[in-house]
């Protein structure tokens, strides 16, 4: 049950971070998103939000690694000779 709560809270925090960046007319990037999430957990004393924020940062990092792997795979495919 607690994991469901943390997962939902992590999703909410990611949404809040993206919304804040959009409201500031800032560029949305993986780095900007993780920085915003890090800032959010540094400025709270709510343990649930801190745990959810850390989970959100981990989710963003995991997604970054997946995307980087996909790009590397595409790059290696384009470098391969067809015959």
N, C-alpha and C. Protein backbone atom coordinates (compact mmCIF):
# COMPACT_ATOMS: atom_id res chain seq x y z
N UNK A 1 0.82 -1.19 0.00
CA UNK A 1 0.00 0.00 0.00
C UNK A 1 0.87 1.26 0.00
N UNK A 2 1.91 1.23 0.82
CA UNK A 2 2.77 2.41 0.88
C UNK A 2 3.47 2.64 -0.45
N UNK A 3 3.86 1.55 -1.13
CA UNK A 3 4.50 1.70 -2.44
C UNK A 3 3.58 2.37 -3.44
N UNK A 4 2.30 2.02 -3.42
CA UNK A 4 1.34 2.67 -4.31
C UNK A 4 1.27 4.16 -4.03
N UNK A 5 1.25 4.51 -2.74
CA UNK A 5 1.20 5.92 -2.36
C UNK A 5 2.46 6.64 -2.84
N UNK A 6 3.63 6.03 -2.60
CA UNK A 6 4.89 6.65 -3.02
C UNK A 6 4.97 6.78 -4.54
N UNK A 7 4.48 5.76 -5.23
CA UNK A 7 4.49 5.82 -6.69
C UNK A 7 3.60 6.95 -7.20
N UNK A 8 2.41 7.07 -6.63
CA UNK A 8 1.51 8.15 -7.03
C UNK A 8 2.10 9.51 -6.68
N UNK A 9 2.69 9.61 -5.49
CA UNK A 9 3.29 10.87 -5.06
C UNK A 9 4.48 11.22 -5.95
N UNK A 10 5.26 10.22 -6.36
CA UNK A 10 6.38 10.46 -7.26
C UNK A 10 5.88 11.00 -8.60
N UNK A 11 4.81 10.39 -9.12
CA UNK A 11 4.23 10.87 -10.37
C UNK A 11 3.72 12.31 -10.24
N UNK A 12 3.10 12.60 -9.10
CA UNK A 12 2.60 13.96 -8.85
C UNK A 12 3.76 14.94 -8.81
N UNK A 13 4.85 14.55 -8.14
CA UNK A 13 6.00 15.45 -8.03
C UNK A 13 6.65 15.69 -9.39
N UNK A 14 6.70 14.65 -10.24
CA UNK A 14 7.23 14.84 -11.59
C UNK A 14 6.33 15.82 -12.34
N UNK A 15 5.03 15.65 -12.21
CA UNK A 15 4.08 16.57 -12.86
C UNK A 15 4.23 17.99 -12.36
N UNK A 16 4.42 18.15 -11.05
CA UNK A 16 4.62 19.50 -10.49
C UNK A 16 5.89 20.13 -11.03
N UNK A 17 6.95 19.34 -11.13
CA UNK A 17 8.22 19.86 -11.63
C UNK A 17 8.10 20.29 -13.09
N UNK A 18 7.46 19.47 -13.90
CA UNK A 18 7.28 19.80 -15.32
C UNK A 18 6.40 21.05 -15.45
N UNK A 19 5.33 21.11 -14.67
CA UNK A 19 4.44 22.27 -14.71
C UNK A 19 5.18 23.54 -14.33
N UNK A 20 6.00 23.47 -13.30
CA UNK A 20 6.77 24.64 -12.88
C UNK A 20 7.72 25.09 -13.98
N UNK A 21 8.38 24.14 -14.63
CA UNK A 21 9.29 24.50 -15.73
C UNK A 21 8.54 25.13 -16.88
N UNK A 22 7.37 24.58 -17.20
CA UNK A 22 6.55 25.17 -18.27
C UNK A 22 6.09 26.57 -17.90
N UNK A 23 5.67 26.76 -16.65
CA UNK A 23 5.21 28.08 -16.21
C UNK A 23 6.32 29.12 -16.27
N UNK A 24 7.55 28.67 -16.08
CA UNK A 24 8.71 29.57 -16.14
C UNK A 24 9.22 29.74 -17.57
N UNK A 25 8.58 29.07 -18.51
CA UNK A 25 9.01 29.10 -19.90
C UNK A 25 10.43 28.57 -20.05
N UNK A 26 10.79 27.63 -19.17
CA UNK A 26 12.13 27.05 -19.18
C UNK A 26 12.15 25.84 -20.11
N UNK A 27 13.32 25.52 -20.58
CA UNK A 27 13.48 24.33 -21.41
C UNK A 27 13.29 23.09 -20.54
N UNK A 28 12.57 22.13 -21.09
CA UNK A 28 12.36 20.88 -20.36
C UNK A 28 13.46 19.91 -20.79
N UNK A 29 14.23 19.47 -19.85
CA UNK A 29 15.29 18.49 -20.12
C UNK A 29 15.36 17.55 -18.94
N UNK A 30 16.07 16.43 -19.14
CA UNK A 30 16.24 15.49 -18.03
C UNK A 30 16.96 16.18 -16.88
N UNK A 31 17.98 16.96 -17.18
CA UNK A 31 18.75 17.64 -16.14
C UNK A 31 17.89 18.66 -15.39
N UNK A 32 17.10 19.44 -16.13
CA UNK A 32 16.25 20.44 -15.49
C UNK A 32 15.21 19.76 -14.60
N UNK A 33 14.69 18.64 -15.07
CA UNK A 33 13.69 17.92 -14.28
C UNK A 33 14.29 17.36 -13.00
N UNK A 34 15.46 16.72 -13.08
CA UNK A 34 16.08 16.18 -11.87
C UNK A 34 16.50 17.29 -10.92
N UNK A 35 16.99 18.40 -11.46
CA UNK A 35 17.34 19.54 -10.60
C UNK A 35 16.12 20.06 -9.86
N UNK A 36 15.00 20.17 -10.57
CA UNK A 36 13.77 20.67 -9.95
C UNK A 36 13.28 19.72 -8.86
N UNK A 37 13.36 18.42 -9.13
CA UNK A 37 12.95 17.43 -8.12
C UNK A 37 13.88 17.46 -6.91
N UNK A 38 15.17 17.59 -7.16
CA UNK A 38 16.15 17.67 -6.06
C UNK A 38 15.85 18.90 -5.20
N UNK A 39 15.56 20.00 -5.84
CA UNK A 39 15.23 21.22 -5.11
C UNK A 39 13.97 21.04 -4.28
N UNK A 40 12.99 20.34 -4.84
CA UNK A 40 11.73 20.12 -4.12
C UNK A 40 11.94 19.31 -2.85
N UNK A 41 12.81 18.30 -2.90
CA UNK A 41 13.01 17.50 -1.69
C UNK A 41 13.92 18.19 -0.69
N UNK A 42 14.77 19.08 -1.17
CA UNK A 42 15.63 19.83 -0.25
C UNK A 42 14.83 20.86 0.54
N UNK A 43 13.71 21.29 -0.01
CA UNK A 43 12.91 22.34 0.61
C UNK A 43 11.68 21.83 1.34
N UNK A 44 11.66 20.55 1.70
CA UNK A 44 10.51 20.02 2.43
C UNK A 44 10.97 19.24 3.65
N UNK A 45 10.12 19.20 4.64
CA UNK A 45 10.39 18.40 5.83
C UNK A 45 9.46 17.19 5.89
N UNK A 46 8.57 17.07 4.91
CA UNK A 46 7.62 15.96 4.84
C UNK A 46 8.36 14.71 4.36
N UNK A 47 8.49 13.72 5.24
CA UNK A 47 9.24 12.51 4.90
C UNK A 47 8.64 11.76 3.72
N UNK A 48 7.33 11.76 3.60
CA UNK A 48 6.69 11.08 2.47
C UNK A 48 7.06 11.74 1.15
N UNK A 49 7.10 13.08 1.14
CA UNK A 49 7.48 13.80 -0.08
C UNK A 49 8.96 13.59 -0.41
N UNK A 50 9.79 13.51 0.62
CA UNK A 50 11.21 13.25 0.38
C UNK A 50 11.39 11.88 -0.25
N UNK A 51 10.75 10.85 0.31
CA UNK A 51 10.86 9.50 -0.26
C UNK A 51 10.30 9.46 -1.68
N UNK A 52 9.17 10.11 -1.88
CA UNK A 52 8.56 10.13 -3.22
C UNK A 52 9.44 10.90 -4.19
N UNK A 53 10.04 11.99 -3.73
CA UNK A 53 10.94 12.76 -4.59
C UNK A 53 12.16 11.97 -4.99
N UNK A 54 12.72 11.22 -4.04
CA UNK A 54 13.87 10.37 -4.36
C UNK A 54 13.46 9.28 -5.35
N UNK A 55 12.28 8.75 -5.18
CA UNK A 55 11.77 7.75 -6.12
C UNK A 55 11.58 8.38 -7.51
N UNK A 56 11.06 9.60 -7.55
CA UNK A 56 10.85 10.29 -8.82
C UNK A 56 12.18 10.53 -9.52
N UNK A 57 13.18 10.95 -8.77
CA UNK A 57 14.51 11.17 -9.35
C UNK A 57 15.05 9.87 -9.92
N UNK A 58 14.88 8.78 -9.18
CA UNK A 58 15.34 7.48 -9.66
C UNK A 58 14.61 7.07 -10.94
N UNK A 59 13.31 7.33 -11.00
CA UNK A 59 12.54 7.01 -12.21
C UNK A 59 13.05 7.82 -13.40
N UNK A 60 13.33 9.09 -13.18
CA UNK A 60 13.83 9.95 -14.27
C UNK A 60 15.20 9.47 -14.72
N UNK A 61 16.08 9.13 -13.78
CA UNK A 61 17.41 8.63 -14.14
C UNK A 61 17.31 7.33 -14.93
N UNK A 62 16.43 6.44 -14.49
CA UNK A 62 16.25 5.17 -15.18
C UNK A 62 15.77 5.41 -16.62
N UNK A 63 14.83 6.33 -16.77
CA UNK A 63 14.33 6.66 -18.11
C UNK A 63 15.44 7.28 -18.97
N UNK A 64 16.28 8.10 -18.36
CA UNK A 64 17.40 8.70 -19.08
C UNK A 64 18.32 7.61 -19.62
N UNK A 65 18.60 6.61 -18.78
CA UNK A 65 19.49 5.52 -19.19
C UNK A 65 18.87 4.70 -20.32
N UNK A 66 17.58 4.45 -20.23
CA UNK A 66 16.89 3.71 -21.28
C UNK A 66 16.98 4.47 -22.59
N UNK A 67 16.69 5.77 -22.53
CA UNK A 67 16.72 6.60 -23.76
C UNK A 67 18.13 6.67 -24.33
N UNK A 68 19.13 6.80 -23.45
CA UNK A 68 20.51 6.86 -23.92
C UNK A 68 20.90 5.54 -24.59
N UNK A 69 20.44 4.43 -24.03
CA UNK A 69 20.72 3.12 -24.62
C UNK A 69 20.06 2.96 -25.98
N UNK A 70 18.84 3.46 -26.10
CA UNK A 70 18.13 3.40 -27.38
C UNK A 70 18.87 4.21 -28.43
N UNK A 71 19.32 5.40 -28.06
CA UNK A 71 20.05 6.24 -29.01
C UNK A 71 21.36 5.59 -29.42
N UNK A 72 22.05 4.99 -28.46
CA UNK A 72 23.31 4.32 -28.76
C UNK A 72 23.06 3.15 -29.70
N UNK A 73 21.97 2.43 -29.49
CA UNK A 73 21.62 1.31 -30.36
C UNK A 73 21.32 1.77 -31.76
N UNK A 74 20.62 2.85 -31.90
CA UNK A 74 20.30 3.41 -33.22
C UNK A 74 21.58 3.89 -33.90
N UNK A 75 22.46 4.53 -33.14
CA UNK A 75 23.70 5.02 -33.72
C UNK A 75 24.56 3.86 -34.22
N UNK A 76 24.62 2.78 -33.46
CA UNK A 76 25.44 1.66 -33.90
C UNK A 76 24.82 0.99 -35.12
N UNK A 77 23.50 0.98 -35.22
CA UNK A 77 22.84 0.41 -36.39
C UNK A 77 23.13 1.24 -37.64
N UNK A 78 23.16 2.55 -37.49
CA UNK A 78 23.41 3.41 -38.66
C UNK A 78 24.86 3.32 -39.10
N UNK A 79 25.76 2.94 -38.18
CA UNK A 79 27.17 2.82 -38.53
C UNK A 79 27.48 1.48 -39.20
N UNK A 80 26.60 0.49 -39.01
CA UNK A 80 26.84 -0.82 -39.59
C UNK A 80 26.64 -0.78 -41.10
N UNK A 81 27.47 -1.53 -41.78
CA UNK A 81 27.32 -1.62 -43.24
C UNK A 81 26.25 -2.64 -43.56
N UNK A 82 25.48 -2.34 -44.57
CA UNK A 82 24.40 -3.22 -44.95
C UNK A 82 24.88 -4.42 -45.75
N UNK A 83 26.04 -4.33 -46.40
CA UNK A 83 26.58 -5.49 -47.11
C UNK A 83 28.05 -5.60 -46.91
